Amino acid sequence: MAEQYYSTGRRKTSVARVRLSPGSGTITVNKQPVSEYFRRQTLGLIVRQPLEYVGMLDKYDVAANVDGGGWSGQAGAVKMAIARCLVKIDERLKKQLRDGGFLTRDSREVERKKPGQKKARKRFQFSKR
């Protein structure tokens, strides 16, 4: 059996576990084709970005399991996991992927809602009288 590479990616509250194996370029997310799972076309493009960036879109099959968060966070988590797998495949790709921003964990999280306010930063209208 051909060699397989595993990696994990995170974004917001989403966690993606990805398996890369030599193949024809099929991408499945939670056992569904990427275009079916991520209905917005831009999210599918985000998932394919690291493979396109290094020119290996049709050389590896991607099988991803994603949990938590929303569509955007899940797509970002899969993107990061794929990039990490590509580094395991070929260490020379690390600088190229790092320069492209694929290996940097986006640490931004949702700020919590504060008591006595509408949202995290938005406040109720102030009335002087």
C-alpha atoms as a PDB file:
ATOM      1  CA  MET A   1       0.000   0.000   0.000  1.00  0.00           C
ATOM      2  CA  ALA A   2       1.188   3.527  -0.804  1.00  0.00           C
ATOM      3  CA  GLU A   3       2.530   5.756   1.925  1.00  0.00           C
ATOM      4  CA  GLN A   4       0.035   8.014   3.702  1.00  0.00           C
ATOM      5  CA  TYR A   5       0.668  11.241   5.579  1.00  0.00           C
ATOM      6  CA  TYR A   6      -1.426  12.499   8.502  1.00  0.00           C
ATOM      7  CA  SER A   7      -1.687  15.969   9.972  1.00  0.00           C
ATOM      8  CA  THR A   8      -3.896  18.242  12.068  1.00  0.00           C
ATOM      9  CA  GLY A   9      -4.955  21.828  11.402  1.00  0.00           C
ATOM     10  CA  ARG A  10      -6.883  24.314  13.525  1.00  0.00           C
ATOM     11  CA  ARG A  11      -8.713  27.583  12.898  1.00  0.00           C
ATOM     12  CA  LYS A  12     -11.090  29.363  15.320  1.00  0.00           C
ATOM     13  CA  THR A  13     -12.849  26.433  17.047  1.00  0.00           C
ATOM     14  CA  SER A  14     -12.477  23.982  14.140  1.00  0.00           C
ATOM     15  CA  VAL A  15     -10.136  20.996  14.128  1.00  0.00           C
ATOM     16  CA  ALA A  16      -9.281  19.125  10.921  1.00  0.00           C
ATOM     17  CA  ARG A  17      -7.555  15.749  10.697  1.00  0.00           C
ATOM     18  CA  VAL A  18      -6.233  15.154   7.169  1.00  0.00           C
ATOM     19  CA  ARG A  19      -4.810  12.104   5.397  1.00  0.00           C
ATOM     20  CA  LEU A  20      -2.816  12.634   2.187  1.00  0.00           C
ATOM     21  CA  SER A  21      -2.110   9.676  -0.075  1.00  0.00           C
ATOM     22  CA  PRO A  22      -0.756   9.473  -3.638  1.00  0.00           C
ATOM     23  CA  GLY A  23      -3.639   9.584  -6.118  1.00  0.00           C
ATOM     24  CA  SER A  24      -5.498  11.596  -8.711  1.00  0.00           C
ATOM     25  CA  GLY A  25      -6.390  14.726  -6.722  1.00  0.00           C
ATOM     26  CA  THR A  26      -9.701  13.723  -5.128  1.00  0.00           C
ATOM     27  CA  ILE A  27     -10.578  15.828  -2.074  1.00  0.00           C
ATOM     28  CA  THR A  28     -13.185  14.541   0.385  1.00  0.00           C
ATOM     29  CA  VAL A  29     -14.293  16.270   3.582  1.00  0.00           C
ATOM     30  CA  ASN A  30     -16.294  14.227   6.105  1.00  0.00           C
ATOM     31  CA  LYS A  31     -16.782  11.531   3.408  1.00  0.00           C
ATOM     32  CA  GLN A  32     -18.304  14.024   0.939  1.00  0.00           C
ATOM     33  CA  PRO A  33     -16.729  15.653  -2.120  1.00  0.00           C
ATOM     34  CA  VAL A  34     -15.286  19.070  -1.247  1.00  0.00           C
ATOM     35  CA  SER A  35     -17.729  20.892  -3.554  1.00  0.00           C
ATOM     36  CA  GLU A  36     -20.670  19.152  -1.870  1.00  0.00           C
ATOM     37  CA  TYR A  37     -19.508  19.721   1.717  1.00  0.00           C
ATOM     38  CA  PHE A  38     -18.395  23.338   1.248  1.00  0.00           C
ATOM     39  CA  ARG A  39     -21.262  24.704  -0.842  1.00  0.00           C
ATOM     40  CA  ARG A  40     -19.620  28.114  -1.297  1.00  0.00           C
ATOM     41  CA  GLN A  41     -17.083  27.993  -4.096  1.00  0.00           C
ATOM     42  CA  THR A  42     -14.635  30.244  -2.241  1.00  0.00           C
ATOM     43  CA  LEU A  43     -14.333  27.715   0.603  1.00  0.00           C
ATOM     44  CA  GLY A  44     -13.445  24.978  -1.877  1.00  0.00           C
ATOM     45  CA  LEU A  45     -10.764  27.244  -3.327  1.00  0.00           C
ATOM     46  CA  ILE A  46      -9.361  27.871   0.173  1.00  0.00           C
ATOM     47  CA  VAL A  47      -9.033  24.111   0.741  1.00  0.00           C
ATOM     48  CA  ARG A  48      -7.202  23.637  -2.588  1.00  0.00           C
ATOM     49  CA  GLN A  49      -4.828  26.605  -2.108  1.00  0.00           C
ATOM     50  CA  PRO A  50      -1.792  24.820  -0.589  1.00  0.00           C
ATOM     51  CA  LEU A  51      -1.860  22.061  -3.238  1.00  0.00           C
ATOM     52  CA  GLU A  52      -2.148  24.582  -6.072  1.00  0.00           C
ATOM     53  CA  TYR A  53       0.598  26.736  -4.546  1.00  0.00           C
ATOM     54  CA  VAL A  54       3.161  23.918  -4.773  1.00  0.00           C
ATOM     55  CA  GLY A  55       1.737  22.395  -7.984  1.00  0.00           C
ATOM     56  CA  MET A  56       0.575  19.060  -6.544  1.00  0.00           C
ATOM     57  CA  LEU A  57      -3.178  19.382  -7.022  1.00  0.00           C
ATOM     58  CA  ASP A  58      -3.480  16.218  -9.152  1.00  0.00           C
ATOM     59  CA  LYS A  59      -0.820  14.128  -7.365  1.00  0.00           C
ATOM     60  CA  TYR A  60      -2.431  13.476  -3.976  1.00  0.00           C
ATOM     61  CA  ASP A  61      -5.834  12.419  -2.673  1.00  0.00           C
ATOM     62  CA  VAL A  62      -7.045  14.247   0.421  1.00  0.00           C
ATOM     63  CA  ALA A  63      -9.368  12.750   3.029  1.00  0.00           C
ATOM     64  CA  ALA A  64     -10.316  15.170   5.801  1.00  0.00           C
ATOM     65  CA  ASN A  65     -12.395  14.896   8.963  1.00  0.00           C
ATOM     66  CA  VAL A  66     -13.481  18.241  10.406  1.00  0.00           C
ATOM     67  CA  ASP A  67     -15.193  19.056  13.702  1.00  0.00           C
ATOM     68  CA  GLY A  68     -16.400  22.241  15.345  1.00  0.00           C
ATOM     69  CA  GLY A  69     -16.825  25.836  14.255  1.00  0.00           C
ATOM     70  CA  GLY A  70     -18.444  27.114  11.089  1.00  0.00           C
ATOM     71  CA  TRP A  71     -17.759  26.784   7.376  1.00  0.00           C
ATOM     72  CA  SER A  72     -14.964  29.363   7.216  1.00  0.00           C
ATOM     73  CA  GLY A  73     -13.096  27.991  10.216  1.00  0.00           C
ATOM     74  CA  GLN A  74     -13.373  24.430   8.938  1.00  0.00           C
ATOM     75  CA  ALA A  75     -12.021  25.375   5.508  1.00  0.00           C
ATOM     76  CA  GLY A  76      -9.083  27.189   7.130  1.00  0.00           C
ATOM     77  CA  ALA A  77      -8.357  24.198   9.368  1.00  0.00           C
ATOM     78  CA  VAL A  78      -8.298  21.804   6.393  1.00  0.00           C
ATOM     79  CA  LYS A  79      -6.023  24.207   4.483  1.00  0.00           C
ATOM     80  CA  MET A  80      -3.514  24.278   7.326  1.00  0.00           C
ATOM     81  CA  ALA A  81      -3.569  20.483   7.773  1.00  0.00           C
ATOM     82  CA  ILE A  82      -2.934  19.925   4.055  1.00  0.00           C
ATOM     83  CA  ALA A  83       0.011  22.332   4.161  1.00  0.00           C
ATOM     84  CA  ARG A  84       1.473  20.474   7.149  1.00  0.00           C
ATOM     85  CA  CYS A  85       1.128  17.151   5.299  1.00  0.00           C
ATOM     86  CA  LEU A  86       2.940  18.597   2.289  1.00  0.00           C
ATOM     87  CA  VAL A  87       5.849  19.566   4.559  1.00  0.00           C
ATOM     88  CA  LYS A  88       5.988  15.962   5.829  1.00  0.00           C
ATOM     89  CA  ILE A  89       6.114  14.754   2.225  1.00  0.00           C
ATOM     90  CA  ASP A  90       8.914  17.128   1.195  1.00  0.00           C
ATOM     91  CA  GLU A  91      10.788  19.236   3.760  1.00  0.00           C
ATOM     92  CA  ARG A  92      11.994  21.575   0.982  1.00  0.00           C
ATOM     93  CA  LEU A  93       8.423  22.889   0.559  1.00  0.00           C
ATOM     94  CA  LYS A  94       8.450  24.314   4.096  1.00  0.00           C
ATOM     95  CA  LYS A  95       9.946  27.711   3.217  1.00  0.00           C
ATOM     96  CA  GLN A  96       7.660  28.108   0.199  1.00  0.00           C
ATOM     97  CA  LEU A  97       4.525  27.258   2.231  1.00  0.00           C
ATOM     98  CA  ARG A  98       5.651  29.428   5.149  1.00  0.00           C
ATOM     99  CA  ASP A  99       6.158  32.394   2.783  1.00  0.00           C
ATOM    100  CA  GLY A 100       2.675  31.766   1.375  1.00  0.00           C
ATOM    101  CA  GLY A 101       1.235  31.942   4.907  1.00  0.00           C
ATOM    102  CA  PHE A 102      -0.098  28.382   4.962  1.00  0.00           C
ATOM    103  CA  LEU A 103       1.788  27.152   8.036  1.00  0.00           C
ATOM    104  CA  THR A 104       0.970  30.063  10.358  1.00  0.00           C
ATOM    105  CA  ARG A 105      -1.815  29.326  12.826  1.00  0.00           C
ATOM    106  CA  ASP A 106      -4.373  32.159  12.763  1.00  0.00           C
ATOM    107  CA  SER A 107      -4.814  32.636  16.515  1.00  0.00           C
ATOM    108  CA  ARG A 108      -7.812  34.966  16.329  1.00  0.00           C
ATOM    109  CA  GLU A 109     -10.755  33.682  18.364  1.00  0.00           C
ATOM    110  CA  VAL A 110     -14.205  35.117  19.024  1.00  0.00           C
ATOM    111  CA  GLU A 111     -14.153  37.621  21.890  1.00  0.00           C
ATOM    112  CA  ARG A 112     -16.608  36.843  24.670  1.00  0.00           C
ATOM    113  CA  LYS A 113     -19.739  38.905  25.324  1.00  0.00           C
ATOM    114  CA  LYS A 114     -19.416  41.180  28.361  1.00  0.00           C
ATOM    115  CA  PRO A 115     -22.183  41.683  30.931  1.00  0.00           C
ATOM    116  CA  GLY A 116     -24.112  44.943  30.618  1.00  0.00           C
ATOM    117  CA  GLN A 117     -23.293  45.193  26.907  1.00  0.00           C
ATOM    118  CA  LYS A 118     -25.024  44.097  23.717  1.00  0.00           C
ATOM    119  CA  LYS A 119     -22.046  42.156  22.349  1.00  0.00           C
ATOM    120  CA  ALA A 120     -18.303  41.910  23.024  1.00  0.00           C
ATOM    121  CA  ARG A 121     -17.625  45.574  22.220  1.00  0.00           C
ATOM    122  CA  LYS A 122     -21.003  47.069  21.285  1.00  0.00           C
ATOM    123  CA  ARG A 123     -22.770  48.842  24.142  1.00  0.00           C
ATOM    124  CA  PHE A 124     -26.327  49.899  24.780  1.00  0.00           C
ATOM    125  CA  GLN A 125     -27.092  53.488  23.794  1.00  0.00           C
ATOM    126  CA  PHE A 126     -26.002  55.985  26.437  1.00  0.00           C
ATOM    127  CA  SER A 127     -28.577  58.453  27.657  1.00  0.00           C
ATOM    128  CA  LYS A 128     -27.448  61.471  29.662  1.00  0.00           C
ATOM    129  CA  ARG A 129     -30.960  62.218  30.951  1.00  0.00           C
END
